[in-house]
């Protein structure tokens, strides 16, 4: 565990940055926010498991 979450975080962040905000629907924004929240939680678990190495 760890490498997958880090790669997923990179992908979700890139997708979020690439989203044209003026053209995004409420549904798109909610889905992106949910993905970012999930990814932050996963990364925090990785940090906790590694003990802050």
C-alpha atoms as a PDB file:
ATOM      1  CA  UNK A   1       0.000   0.000   0.000  1.00  0.00           C
ATOM      2  CA  UNK A   2       1.228   3.474  -0.707  1.00  0.00           C
ATOM      3  CA  UNK A   3       2.447   3.672  -4.279  1.00  0.00           C
ATOM      4  CA  UNK A   4      -1.064   3.140  -5.679  1.00  0.00           C
ATOM      5  CA  UNK A   5      -2.515   5.910  -3.515  1.00  0.00           C
ATOM      6  CA  UNK A   6       0.268   8.294  -4.495  1.00  0.00           C
ATOM      7  CA  UNK A   7      -0.260   7.624  -8.206  1.00  0.00           C
ATOM      8  CA  UNK A   8      -4.018   7.948  -7.749  1.00  0.00           C
ATOM      9  CA  UNK A   9      -3.497  11.293  -6.003  1.00  0.00           C
ATOM     10  CA  UNK A  10      -1.450  12.540  -8.936  1.00  0.00           C
ATOM     11  CA  UNK A  11      -4.130  11.477 -11.414  1.00  0.00           C
ATOM     12  CA  UNK A  12      -7.013  12.990  -9.442  1.00  0.00           C
ATOM     13  CA  UNK A  13      -5.143  16.253  -8.934  1.00  0.00           C
ATOM     14  CA  UNK A  14      -4.257  16.458 -12.637  1.00  0.00           C
ATOM     15  CA  UNK A  15      -7.882  15.826 -13.600  1.00  0.00           C
ATOM     16  CA  UNK A  16      -9.042  18.482 -11.144  1.00  0.00           C
ATOM     17  CA  UNK A  17      -6.578  21.038 -12.473  1.00  0.00           C
ATOM     18  CA  UNK A  18      -7.558  20.273 -16.074  1.00  0.00           C
ATOM     19  CA  UNK A  19     -11.276  20.739 -15.421  1.00  0.00           C
ATOM     20  CA  UNK A  20     -12.590  23.904 -17.077  1.00  0.00           C
ATOM     21  CA  UNK A  21     -14.475  25.400 -14.151  1.00  0.00           C
ATOM     22  CA  UNK A  22     -16.782  27.552 -16.231  1.00  0.00           C
ATOM     23  CA  UNK A  23     -17.931  24.548 -18.236  1.00  0.00           C
ATOM     24  CA  UNK A  24     -18.124  22.042 -15.365  1.00  0.00           C
ATOM     25  CA  UNK A  25     -21.551  20.959 -14.167  1.00  0.00           C
ATOM     26  CA  UNK A  26     -22.473  20.726 -10.503  1.00  0.00           C
ATOM     27  CA  UNK A  27     -22.329  16.965 -10.868  1.00  0.00           C
ATOM     28  CA  UNK A  28     -18.779  17.121 -12.282  1.00  0.00           C
ATOM     29  CA  UNK A  29     -17.644  19.394  -9.465  1.00  0.00           C
ATOM     30  CA  UNK A  30     -19.186  17.162  -6.792  1.00  0.00           C
ATOM     31  CA  UNK A  31     -17.594  14.066  -8.313  1.00  0.00           C
ATOM     32  CA  UNK A  32     -14.187  15.781  -8.413  1.00  0.00           C
ATOM     33  CA  UNK A  33     -14.479  16.997  -4.828  1.00  0.00           C
ATOM     34  CA  UNK A  34     -15.431  13.480  -3.723  1.00  0.00           C
ATOM     35  CA  UNK A  35     -12.427  12.020  -5.541  1.00  0.00           C
ATOM     36  CA  UNK A  36     -10.112  14.571  -3.957  1.00  0.00           C
ATOM     37  CA  UNK A  37     -11.514  13.862  -0.480  1.00  0.00           C
ATOM     38  CA  UNK A  38     -11.075  10.113  -0.943  1.00  0.00           C
ATOM     39  CA  UNK A  39      -7.527  10.612  -2.182  1.00  0.00           C
ATOM     40  CA  UNK A  40      -6.553  12.854   0.734  1.00  0.00           C
ATOM     41  CA  UNK A  41      -7.897  10.244   3.171  1.00  0.00           C
ATOM     42  CA  UNK A  42      -5.895   7.501   1.434  1.00  0.00           C
ATOM     43  CA  UNK A  43      -2.714   9.571   1.499  1.00  0.00           C
ATOM     44  CA  UNK A  44      -3.171  10.338   5.188  1.00  0.00           C
ATOM     45  CA  UNK A  45      -3.491   6.589   5.867  1.00  0.00           C
ATOM     46  CA  UNK A  46      -0.224   6.015   3.993  1.00  0.00           C
ATOM     47  CA  UNK A  47       1.492   8.734   6.004  1.00  0.00           C
ATOM     48  CA  UNK A  48       0.178   7.259   9.261  1.00  0.00           C
ATOM     49  CA  UNK A  49       1.302   3.746   8.262  1.00  0.00           C
ATOM     50  CA  UNK A  50       4.785   4.964   7.436  1.00  0.00           C
ATOM     51  CA  UNK A  51       4.978   6.740  10.771  1.00  0.00           C
ATOM     52  CA  UNK A  52       5.923  10.070   9.218  1.00  0.00           C
ATOM     53  CA  UNK A  53       9.160   8.699   7.711  1.00  0.00           C
END
